[in-house]
């Protein structure tokens, strides 16, 4: 994969120029953004093509959230907090954390998310609205050139569902604030410093229930003051948006089409609405415990 090789080379070259030479680059995650662990200095590098990232926004937000004591992963302290570019890639460098436990307990997860939201209310930073992400999903569904494999009946169904959910959530008039955007288990690290959130490229404004819709059910039970009906709408909305993204012709998510088909089936079945982590286990053949 030439693109992957070039991305890794860009990250290791930048680390080397900053006196953090990398003898090995371990791929931790590779989708719209590449995540690497660079050893032996244990640097966590995030890499994306220039123009397809919001790296500067992430760096600035991470700094501001750290200043107000929010539970977020820290930038790499041995280098300047900048976005580094090389060979068409934007690279940001972060602290690497060894996992403390296999997963974060639901009560601790909820407390960390509540603390994150409290910190975000103190940060004044321009960000998109969560409805912008609905619009992106609607555009994928509406254009057969972008989603050529999506059957016509599913295209009509998914487009109608996205529009109706946008309207239903908007009519609730819930209080809105800065959100993480995708605080699912994959974006929460279990560290010796406690749970820490990462990956703020999807940060947006909206009701806290939109964030909670990305978290496991057991987590939401520990979060105070949740509007359950709004949470149900947001869970359904997240399923519909992710379904749309899986039909994008450029989507690189593993088992993406299969995931998209399963999401459409679940949306047609009706409530109770499963969470994304439950859907991933279902598609991967692992039943939720």
C-alpha atoms as a PDB file:
ATOM      1  CA  UNK A   1       0.000   0.000   0.000  1.00  0.00           C
ATOM      2  CA  UNK A   2       2.029   2.962  -1.256  1.00  0.00           C
ATOM      3  CA  UNK A   3      -0.186   5.541   0.508  1.00  0.00           C
ATOM      4  CA  UNK A   4       0.254   3.829   3.882  1.00  0.00           C
ATOM      5  CA  UNK A   5       4.001   3.500   3.320  1.00  0.00           C
ATOM      6  CA  UNK A   6       4.289   7.185   2.449  1.00  0.00           C
ATOM      7  CA  UNK A   7       2.240   8.215   5.479  1.00  0.00           C
ATOM      8  CA  UNK A   8       4.414   6.177   7.825  1.00  0.00           C
ATOM      9  CA  UNK A   9       7.559   7.573   6.196  1.00  0.00           C
ATOM     10  CA  UNK A  10       6.281  11.132   6.694  1.00  0.00           C
ATOM     11  CA  UNK A  11       5.594  10.542  10.390  1.00  0.00           C
ATOM     12  CA  UNK A  12       8.917   8.842  11.090  1.00  0.00           C
ATOM     13  CA  UNK A  13      10.802  11.517   9.156  1.00  0.00           C
ATOM     14  CA  UNK A  14       9.152  14.286  11.179  1.00  0.00           C
ATOM     15  CA  UNK A  15       9.811  12.485  14.472  1.00  0.00           C
ATOM     16  CA  UNK A  16      13.451  12.023  13.514  1.00  0.00           C
ATOM     17  CA  UNK A  17      13.835  15.719  12.680  1.00  0.00           C
ATOM     18  CA  UNK A  18      12.548  16.497  16.195  1.00  0.00           C
ATOM     19  CA  UNK A  19      15.171  14.294  17.887  1.00  0.00           C
ATOM     20  CA  UNK A  20      12.688  11.466  18.449  1.00  0.00           C
ATOM     21  CA  UNK A  21      14.021   8.935  15.905  1.00  0.00           C
ATOM     22  CA  UNK A  22      11.664   6.022  15.272  1.00  0.00           C
ATOM     23  CA  UNK A  23      13.088   2.538  14.887  1.00  0.00           C
ATOM     24  CA  UNK A  24       9.630   1.068  14.386  1.00  0.00           C
ATOM     25  CA  UNK A  25       6.151   2.366  13.494  1.00  0.00           C
ATOM     26  CA  UNK A  26       3.282   0.237  14.777  1.00  0.00           C
ATOM     27  CA  UNK A  27      -0.067   0.804  13.052  1.00  0.00           C
ATOM     28  CA  UNK A  28      -2.748   1.137  15.749  1.00  0.00           C
ATOM     29  CA  UNK A  29      -5.590   2.245  13.515  1.00  0.00           C
ATOM     30  CA  UNK A  30      -5.998   3.025   9.840  1.00  0.00           C
ATOM     31  CA  UNK A  31      -9.173   4.518   8.396  1.00  0.00           C
ATOM     32  CA  UNK A  32      -9.700   8.181   7.512  1.00  0.00           C
ATOM     33  CA  UNK A  33      -6.723   8.941   9.728  1.00  0.00           C
ATOM     34  CA  UNK A  34      -3.653   6.818  10.459  1.00  0.00           C
ATOM     35  CA  UNK A  35      -2.640   6.265  14.094  1.00  0.00           C
ATOM     36  CA  UNK A  36       0.913   5.111  14.802  1.00  0.00           C
ATOM     37  CA  UNK A  37       2.988   4.230  17.833  1.00  0.00           C
ATOM     38  CA  UNK A  38       6.564   5.269  17.141  1.00  0.00           C
ATOM     39  CA  UNK A  39       9.152   3.432  19.194  1.00  0.00           C
ATOM     40  CA  UNK A  40      11.452   3.461  21.120  1.00  0.00           C
ATOM     41  CA  UNK A  41      10.417   6.986  22.224  1.00  0.00           C
ATOM     42  CA  UNK A  42       6.733   6.004  22.434  1.00  0.00           C
ATOM     43  CA  UNK A  43       5.236   8.835  20.407  1.00  0.00           C
ATOM     44  CA  UNK A  44       1.617   8.597  19.276  1.00  0.00           C
ATOM     45  CA  UNK A  45       1.370  10.038  15.761  1.00  0.00           C
ATOM     46  CA  UNK A  46      -1.820  10.907  13.886  1.00  0.00           C
ATOM     47  CA  UNK A  47      -1.428  11.240  10.131  1.00  0.00           C
ATOM     48  CA  UNK A  48      -3.838  12.409   7.422  1.00  0.00           C
ATOM     49  CA  UNK A  49      -3.506  13.819   3.901  1.00  0.00           C
ATOM     50  CA  UNK A  50      -3.179  17.595   3.953  1.00  0.00           C
ATOM     51  CA  UNK A  51      -6.589  19.114   3.297  1.00  0.00           C
ATOM     52  CA  UNK A  52      -8.502  16.109   4.665  1.00  0.00           C
ATOM     53  CA  UNK A  53      -7.797  16.796   8.318  1.00  0.00           C
ATOM     54  CA  UNK A  54      -8.709  19.268  11.018  1.00  0.00           C
ATOM     55  CA  UNK A  55      -5.381  18.871  12.761  1.00  0.00           C
ATOM     56  CA  UNK A  56      -4.928  22.504  13.799  1.00  0.00           C
ATOM     57  CA  UNK A  57      -8.394  22.535  15.350  1.00  0.00           C
ATOM     58  CA  UNK A  58      -7.624  19.336  17.279  1.00  0.00           C
ATOM     59  CA  UNK A  59      -4.336  20.693  18.599  1.00  0.00           C
ATOM     60  CA  UNK A  60      -5.893  23.965  19.737  1.00  0.00           C
ATOM     61  CA  UNK A  61      -8.894  22.242  21.314  1.00  0.00           C
ATOM     62  CA  UNK A  62      -6.727  19.686  23.134  1.00  0.00           C
ATOM     63  CA  UNK A  63      -4.620  22.480  24.600  1.00  0.00           C
ATOM     64  CA  UNK A  64      -7.645  24.456  25.788  1.00  0.00           C
ATOM     65  CA  UNK A  65      -9.340  21.413  27.283  1.00  0.00           C
ATOM     66  CA  UNK A  66      -6.159  20.433  29.121  1.00  0.00           C
ATOM     67  CA  UNK A  67      -5.984  23.950  30.573  1.00  0.00           C
ATOM     68  CA  UNK A  68      -9.426  23.536  32.162  1.00  0.00           C
ATOM     69  CA  UNK A  69      -8.622  20.071  33.513  1.00  0.00           C
ATOM     70  CA  UNK A  70     -10.638  17.991  31.061  1.00  0.00           C
ATOM     71  CA  UNK A  71      -9.852  14.254  30.704  1.00  0.00           C
ATOM     72  CA  UNK A  72      -8.084  14.409  27.343  1.00  0.00           C
ATOM     73  CA  UNK A  73      -4.907  12.837  25.988  1.00  0.00           C
ATOM     74  CA  UNK A  74      -1.948  15.206  26.055  1.00  0.00           C
ATOM     75  CA  UNK A  75       0.094  16.422  23.143  1.00  0.00           C
ATOM     76  CA  UNK A  76       3.681  15.140  22.979  1.00  0.00           C
ATOM     77  CA  UNK A  77       5.498  17.315  25.570  1.00  0.00           C
ATOM     78  CA  UNK A  78       8.955  16.955  23.995  1.00  0.00           C
ATOM     79  CA  UNK A  79       8.057  18.938  20.860  1.00  0.00           C
ATOM     80  CA  UNK A  80       6.199  22.139  20.039  1.00  0.00           C
ATOM     81  CA  UNK A  81       2.392  21.717  19.815  1.00  0.00           C
ATOM     82  CA  UNK A  82       2.203  22.178  16.053  1.00  0.00           C
ATOM     83  CA  UNK A  83       0.836  20.527  12.944  1.00  0.00           C
ATOM     84  CA  UNK A  84       3.826  19.174  11.025  1.00  0.00           C
ATOM     85  CA  UNK A  85       3.581  18.614   7.278  1.00  0.00           C
ATOM     86  CA  UNK A  86       5.674  16.471   4.977  1.00  0.00           C
ATOM     87  CA  UNK A  87       5.136  14.842   1.569  1.00  0.00           C
ATOM     88  CA  UNK A  88       1.465  15.871   1.474  1.00  0.00           C
ATOM     89  CA  UNK A  89       0.646  14.634   4.981  1.00  0.00           C
ATOM     90  CA  UNK A  90      -0.305  16.514   8.146  1.00  0.00           C
ATOM     91  CA  UNK A  91       1.102  14.946  11.312  1.00  0.00           C
ATOM     92  CA  UNK A  92       0.331  15.697  14.955  1.00  0.00           C
ATOM     93  CA  UNK A  93       2.280  14.144  17.824  1.00  0.00           C
ATOM     94  CA  UNK A  94       0.696  13.044  21.098  1.00  0.00           C
ATOM     95  CA  UNK A  95       1.558  11.229  24.304  1.00  0.00           C
ATOM     96  CA  UNK A  96       1.346   7.453  24.046  1.00  0.00           C
ATOM     97  CA  UNK A  97      -0.408   5.760  26.970  1.00  0.00           C
ATOM     98  CA  UNK A  98       0.001   2.103  27.862  1.00  0.00           C
ATOM     99  CA  UNK A  99      -3.450   0.568  28.496  1.00  0.00           C
ATOM    100  CA  UNK A 100      -4.166   0.322  32.223  1.00  0.00           C
ATOM    101  CA  UNK A 101      -7.163  -2.024  31.897  1.00  0.00           C
ATOM    102  CA  UNK A 102      -8.869  -3.764  28.937  1.00  0.00           C
ATOM    103  CA  UNK A 103     -11.792  -1.345  29.149  1.00  0.00           C
ATOM    104  CA  UNK A 104     -13.197   1.515  31.195  1.00  0.00           C
ATOM    105  CA  UNK A 105     -15.960   0.719  33.707  1.00  0.00           C
ATOM    106  CA  UNK A 106     -19.331   2.267  32.731  1.00  0.00           C
ATOM    107  CA  UNK A 107     -19.497   4.541  35.783  1.00  0.00           C
ATOM    108  CA  UNK A 108     -15.961   5.836  35.154  1.00  0.00           C
ATOM    109  CA  UNK A 109     -16.749   6.271  31.453  1.00  0.00           C
ATOM    110  CA  UNK A 110     -19.839   8.346  32.272  1.00  0.00           C
ATOM    111  CA  UNK A 111     -17.952  10.468  34.813  1.00  0.00           C
ATOM    112  CA  UNK A 112     -15.169  11.178  32.312  1.00  0.00           C
ATOM    113  CA  UNK A 113     -17.701  12.170  29.641  1.00  0.00           C
ATOM    114  CA  UNK A 114     -19.523  14.416  32.107  1.00  0.00           C
ATOM    115  CA  UNK A 115     -16.186  16.073  33.000  1.00  0.00           C
ATOM    116  CA  UNK A 116     -15.359  16.478  29.317  1.00  0.00           C
ATOM    117  CA  UNK A 117     -18.692  18.166  28.649  1.00  0.00           C
ATOM    118  CA  UNK A 118     -18.172  20.468  31.645  1.00  0.00           C
ATOM    119  CA  UNK A 119     -14.772  21.470  30.287  1.00  0.00           C
ATOM    120  CA  UNK A 120     -16.169  22.017  26.821  1.00  0.00           C
ATOM    121  CA  UNK A 121     -18.690  24.494  28.188  1.00  0.00           C
ATOM    122  CA  UNK A 122     -15.703  26.622  29.255  1.00  0.00           C
ATOM    123  CA  UNK A 123     -14.079  26.572  25.805  1.00  0.00           C
ATOM    124  CA  UNK A 124     -15.080  29.179  23.235  1.00  0.00           C
ATOM    125  CA  UNK A 125     -14.048  27.687  19.913  1.00  0.00           C
ATOM    126  CA  UNK A 126     -15.920  27.855  16.614  1.00  0.00           C
ATOM    127  CA  UNK A 127     -17.103  24.414  15.539  1.00  0.00           C
ATOM    128  CA  UNK A 128     -19.637  22.825  13.167  1.00  0.00           C
ATOM    129  CA  UNK A 129     -23.180  21.965  14.252  1.00  0.00           C
ATOM    130  CA  UNK A 130     -24.096  18.289  14.544  1.00  0.00           C
ATOM    131  CA  UNK A 131     -26.738  18.833  11.861  1.00  0.00           C
ATOM    132  CA  UNK A 132     -23.904  19.474   9.382  1.00  0.00           C
ATOM    133  CA  UNK A 133     -23.026  15.802   9.737  1.00  0.00           C
ATOM    134  CA  UNK A 134     -26.627  14.884   8.962  1.00  0.00           C
ATOM    135  CA  UNK A 135     -26.357  16.970   5.794  1.00  0.00           C
ATOM    136  CA  UNK A 136     -23.185  15.107   4.774  1.00  0.00           C
ATOM    137  CA  UNK A 137     -24.986  11.773   5.224  1.00  0.00           C
ATOM    138  CA  UNK A 138     -28.001  13.043   3.267  1.00  0.00           C
ATOM    139  CA  UNK A 139     -25.747  14.084   0.381  1.00  0.00           C
ATOM    140  CA  UNK A 140     -24.209  10.599   0.202  1.00  0.00           C
ATOM    141  CA  UNK A 141     -27.638   8.984   0.124  1.00  0.00           C
ATOM    142  CA  UNK A 142     -29.066  11.444  -2.415  1.00  0.00           C
ATOM    143  CA  UNK A 143     -26.294  11.045  -5.014  1.00  0.00           C
ATOM    144  CA  UNK A 144     -26.101   7.648  -6.797  1.00  0.00           C
ATOM    145  CA  UNK A 145     -22.630   8.591  -8.051  1.00  0.00           C
ATOM    146  CA  UNK A 146     -21.404   8.780  -4.452  1.00  0.00           C
ATOM    147  CA  UNK A 147     -23.333   5.692  -3.261  1.00  0.00           C
ATOM    148  CA  UNK A 148     -23.743   3.573  -6.433  1.00  0.00           C
ATOM    149  CA  UNK A 149     -24.246   0.255  -4.575  1.00  0.00           C
ATOM    150  CA  UNK A 150     -27.106   1.522  -2.388  1.00  0.00           C
ATOM    151  CA  UNK A 151     -30.371  -0.054  -3.656  1.00  0.00           C
ATOM    152  CA  UNK A 152     -33.076   2.418  -4.676  1.00  0.00           C
ATOM    153  CA  UNK A 153     -35.550   1.302  -1.996  1.00  0.00           C
ATOM    154  CA  UNK A 154     -32.882   1.677   0.690  1.00  0.00           C
ATOM    155  CA  UNK A 155     -31.909   5.060  -0.713  1.00  0.00           C
ATOM    156  CA  UNK A 156     -35.469   6.358  -0.301  1.00  0.00           C
ATOM    157  CA  UNK A 157     -35.862   4.785   3.143  1.00  0.00           C
ATOM    158  CA  UNK A 158     -32.568   6.117   4.509  1.00  0.00           C
ATOM    159  CA  UNK A 159     -33.072   9.608   3.088  1.00  0.00           C
ATOM    160  CA  UNK A 160     -36.547   9.832   4.640  1.00  0.00           C
ATOM    161  CA  UNK A 161     -35.266   8.568   7.992  1.00  0.00           C
ATOM    162  CA  UNK A 162     -32.431  11.109   8.133  1.00  0.00           C
ATOM    163  CA  UNK A 163     -34.799  13.987   7.336  1.00  0.00           C
ATOM    164  CA  UNK A 164     -37.420  12.922   9.872  1.00  0.00           C
ATOM    165  CA  UNK A 165     -34.857  12.478  12.647  1.00  0.00           C
ATOM    166  CA  UNK A 166     -33.307  15.868  11.948  1.00  0.00           C
ATOM    167  CA  UNK A 167     -36.765  17.426  12.263  1.00  0.00           C
ATOM    168  CA  UNK A 168     -37.687  15.470  15.422  1.00  0.00           C
ATOM    169  CA  UNK A 169     -34.480  16.399  17.255  1.00  0.00           C
ATOM    170  CA  UNK A 170     -34.683  20.021  16.174  1.00  0.00           C
ATOM    171  CA  UNK A 171     -38.277  20.320  17.393  1.00  0.00           C
ATOM    172  CA  UNK A 172     -37.237  19.228  20.896  1.00  0.00           C
ATOM    173  CA  UNK A 173     -35.270  22.462  21.271  1.00  0.00           C
ATOM    174  CA  UNK A 174     -32.742  20.895  23.641  1.00  0.00           C
ATOM    175  CA  UNK A 175     -29.896  22.927  25.115  1.00  0.00           C
ATOM    176  CA  UNK A 176     -26.747  22.666  23.009  1.00  0.00           C
ATOM    177  CA  UNK A 177     -23.035  22.886  23.730  1.00  0.00           C
ATOM    178  CA  UNK A 178     -19.641  21.859  22.366  1.00  0.00           C
ATOM    179  CA  UNK A 179     -19.427  18.055  22.026  1.00  0.00           C
ATOM    180  CA  UNK A 180     -16.786  15.446  21.304  1.00  0.00           C
ATOM    181  CA  UNK A 181     -18.835  14.185  18.356  1.00  0.00           C
ATOM    182  CA  UNK A 182     -17.881  10.506  18.585  1.00  0.00           C
ATOM    183  CA  UNK A 183     -17.030   9.544  22.184  1.00  0.00           C
ATOM    184  CA  UNK A 184     -17.357   5.803  21.484  1.00  0.00           C
ATOM    185  CA  UNK A 185     -15.173   3.237  23.310  1.00  0.00           C
ATOM    186  CA  UNK A 186     -12.529   3.405  20.590  1.00  0.00           C
ATOM    187  CA  UNK A 187     -11.934   7.071  21.428  1.00  0.00           C
ATOM    188  CA  UNK A 188     -11.528   6.570  25.180  1.00  0.00           C
ATOM    189  CA  UNK A 189      -8.202   5.373  26.568  1.00  0.00           C
ATOM    190  CA  UNK A 190      -7.869   3.498  29.841  1.00  0.00           C
ATOM    191  CA  UNK A 191      -4.688   4.894  31.398  1.00  0.00           C
ATOM    192  CA  UNK A 192      -2.989   5.076  34.777  1.00  0.00           C
ATOM    193  CA  UNK A 193      -4.134   8.721  34.792  1.00  0.00           C
ATOM    194  CA  UNK A 194      -7.750   7.624  34.414  1.00  0.00           C
ATOM    195  CA  UNK A 195      -9.961   7.560  31.284  1.00  0.00           C
ATOM    196  CA  UNK A 196      -8.763  10.002  28.608  1.00  0.00           C
ATOM    197  CA  UNK A 197     -10.570  10.992  25.404  1.00  0.00           C
ATOM    198  CA  UNK A 198      -8.818  11.243  22.045  1.00  0.00           C
ATOM    199  CA  UNK A 199      -9.721  12.173  18.455  1.00  0.00           C
ATOM    200  CA  UNK A 200     -11.574  15.488  18.324  1.00  0.00           C
ATOM    201  CA  UNK A 201     -11.862  15.847  14.557  1.00  0.00           C
ATOM    202  CA  UNK A 202     -15.632  15.266  14.783  1.00  0.00           C
ATOM    203  CA  UNK A 203     -16.163  17.920  17.479  1.00  0.00           C
ATOM    204  CA  UNK A 204     -19.452  19.768  16.967  1.00  0.00           C
ATOM    205  CA  UNK A 205     -22.229  21.611  18.778  1.00  0.00           C
ATOM    206  CA  UNK A 206     -25.410  19.871  19.824  1.00  0.00           C
ATOM    207  CA  UNK A 207     -27.281  18.277  22.753  1.00  0.00           C
ATOM    208  CA  UNK A 208     -25.229  16.038  25.070  1.00  0.00           C
ATOM    209  CA  UNK A 209     -27.547  13.181  24.094  1.00  0.00           C
ATOM    210  CA  UNK A 210     -25.883  13.190  20.661  1.00  0.00           C
ATOM    211  CA  UNK A 211     -22.576  12.323  22.341  1.00  0.00           C
ATOM    212  CA  UNK A 212     -24.234   9.788  24.637  1.00  0.00           C
ATOM    213  CA  UNK A 213     -25.733   8.050  21.600  1.00  0.00           C
ATOM    214  CA  UNK A 214     -22.186   6.914  20.731  1.00  0.00           C
ATOM    215  CA  UNK A 215     -21.568   5.396  24.171  1.00  0.00           C
ATOM    216  CA  UNK A 216     -22.595   1.951  25.471  1.00  0.00           C
ATOM    217  CA  UNK A 217     -26.017   1.674  27.114  1.00  0.00           C
ATOM    218  CA  UNK A 218     -24.503   0.968  30.539  1.00  0.00           C
ATOM    219  CA  UNK A 219     -22.607   4.267  30.366  1.00  0.00           C
ATOM    220  CA  UNK A 220     -25.737   6.338  29.745  1.00  0.00           C
ATOM    221  CA  UNK A 221     -27.344   4.879  32.869  1.00  0.00           C
ATOM    222  CA  UNK A 222     -24.668   6.643  34.951  1.00  0.00           C
ATOM    223  CA  UNK A 223     -24.861  10.030  33.193  1.00  0.00           C
ATOM    224  CA  UNK A 224     -27.110  12.509  35.058  1.00  0.00           C
ATOM    225  CA  UNK A 225     -30.107  14.320  33.604  1.00  0.00           C
ATOM    226  CA  UNK A 226     -30.448  12.401  30.345  1.00  0.00           C
ATOM    227  CA  UNK A 227     -33.526  13.037  28.175  1.00  0.00           C
ATOM    228  CA  UNK A 228     -34.278   9.411  27.299  1.00  0.00           C
ATOM    229  CA  UNK A 229     -36.573  10.169  24.374  1.00  0.00           C
ATOM    230  CA  UNK A 230     -34.003  12.520  22.856  1.00  0.00           C
ATOM    231  CA  UNK A 231     -31.296   9.907  23.459  1.00  0.00           C
ATOM    232  CA  UNK A 232     -33.380   7.326  21.576  1.00  0.00           C
ATOM    233  CA  UNK A 233     -33.759   9.723  18.641  1.00  0.00           C
ATOM    234  CA  UNK A 234     -30.028  10.420  18.664  1.00  0.00           C
ATOM    235  CA  UNK A 235     -29.167   6.711  18.802  1.00  0.00           C
ATOM    236  CA  UNK A 236     -31.349   6.115  15.783  1.00  0.00           C
ATOM    237  CA  UNK A 237     -29.801   9.129  14.035  1.00  0.00           C
ATOM    238  CA  UNK A 238     -26.262   7.840  14.634  1.00  0.00           C
ATOM    239  CA  UNK A 239     -27.222   4.453  13.156  1.00  0.00           C
ATOM    240  CA  UNK A 240     -28.712   6.171  10.097  1.00  0.00           C
ATOM    241  CA  UNK A 241     -25.694   8.442   9.557  1.00  0.00           C
ATOM    242  CA  UNK A 242     -23.214   5.591   9.900  1.00  0.00           C
ATOM    243  CA  UNK A 243     -25.324   3.519   7.513  1.00  0.00           C
ATOM    244  CA  UNK A 244     -25.015   6.314   4.935  1.00  0.00           C
ATOM    245  CA  UNK A 245     -21.235   6.569   5.366  1.00  0.00           C
ATOM    246  CA  UNK A 246     -20.830   2.817   4.833  1.00  0.00           C
ATOM    247  CA  UNK A 247     -22.349   3.168   1.347  1.00  0.00           C
ATOM    248  CA  UNK A 248     -19.981   5.952   0.291  1.00  0.00           C
ATOM    249  CA  UNK A 249     -18.008   4.737  -2.728  1.00  0.00           C
ATOM    250  CA  UNK A 250     -14.789   5.840  -1.049  1.00  0.00           C
ATOM    251  CA  UNK A 251     -15.502   4.216   2.312  1.00  0.00           C
ATOM    252  CA  UNK A 252     -12.620   2.077   3.613  1.00  0.00           C
ATOM    253  CA  UNK A 253     -14.240   0.754   6.791  1.00  0.00           C
ATOM    254  CA  UNK A 254     -13.600  -3.010   7.215  1.00  0.00           C
ATOM    255  CA  UNK A 255     -16.710  -4.985   6.174  1.00  0.00           C
ATOM    256  CA  UNK A 256     -18.270  -1.642   5.329  1.00  0.00           C
ATOM    257  CA  UNK A 257     -21.009  -2.823   2.969  1.00  0.00           C
ATOM    258  CA  UNK A 258     -21.990  -5.644   5.288  1.00  0.00           C
ATOM    259  CA  UNK A 259     -22.135  -3.176   8.159  1.00  0.00           C
ATOM    260  CA  UNK A 260     -24.277  -0.847   6.062  1.00  0.00           C
ATOM    261  CA  UNK A 261     -26.714  -3.637   5.224  1.00  0.00           C
ATOM    262  CA  UNK A 262     -27.007  -4.665   8.874  1.00  0.00           C
ATOM    263  CA  UNK A 263     -27.644  -1.080   9.950  1.00  0.00           C
ATOM    264  CA  UNK A 264     -30.452  -0.732   7.408  1.00  0.00           C
ATOM    265  CA  UNK A 265     -31.997  -3.953   8.682  1.00  0.00           C
ATOM    266  CA  UNK A 266     -31.878  -2.730  12.281  1.00  0.00           C
ATOM    267  CA  UNK A 267     -33.377   0.644  11.340  1.00  0.00           C
ATOM    268  CA  UNK A 268     -36.271  -1.136   9.638  1.00  0.00           C
ATOM    269  CA  UNK A 269     -36.831  -3.431  12.620  1.00  0.00           C
ATOM    270  CA  UNK A 270     -37.426  -0.522  14.971  1.00  0.00           C
ATOM    271  CA  UNK A 271     -36.627   0.053  18.653  1.00  0.00           C
ATOM    272  CA  UNK A 272     -34.935  -0.641  20.955  1.00  0.00           C
ATOM    273  CA  UNK A 273     -32.047   0.965  19.094  1.00  0.00           C
ATOM    274  CA  UNK A 274     -28.671  -0.771  19.566  1.00  0.00           C
ATOM    275  CA  UNK A 275     -25.527   1.229  20.202  1.00  0.00           C
ATOM    276  CA  UNK A 276     -22.646   1.282  17.737  1.00  0.00           C
ATOM    277  CA  UNK A 277     -20.415  -0.900  19.912  1.00  0.00           C
ATOM    278  CA  UNK A 278     -23.151  -3.548  19.986  1.00  0.00           C
ATOM    279  CA  UNK A 279     -23.523  -3.300  16.192  1.00  0.00           C
ATOM    280  CA  UNK A 280     -19.794  -3.749  15.650  1.00  0.00           C
ATOM    281  CA  UNK A 281     -19.780  -6.885  17.811  1.00  0.00           C
ATOM    282  CA  UNK A 282     -22.805  -8.199  15.949  1.00  0.00           C
ATOM    283  CA  UNK A 283     -21.264  -7.683  12.515  1.00  0.00           C
ATOM    284  CA  UNK A 284     -17.938  -9.131  13.649  1.00  0.00           C
ATOM    285  CA  UNK A 285     -19.762 -12.212  14.904  1.00  0.00           C
ATOM    286  CA  UNK A 286     -19.317 -11.523  18.601  1.00  0.00           C
ATOM    287  CA  UNK A 287     -22.548 -11.406  20.554  1.00  0.00           C
ATOM    288  CA  UNK A 288     -22.865  -8.625  23.166  1.00  0.00           C
ATOM    289  CA  UNK A 289     -22.402  -9.839  26.744  1.00  0.00           C
END
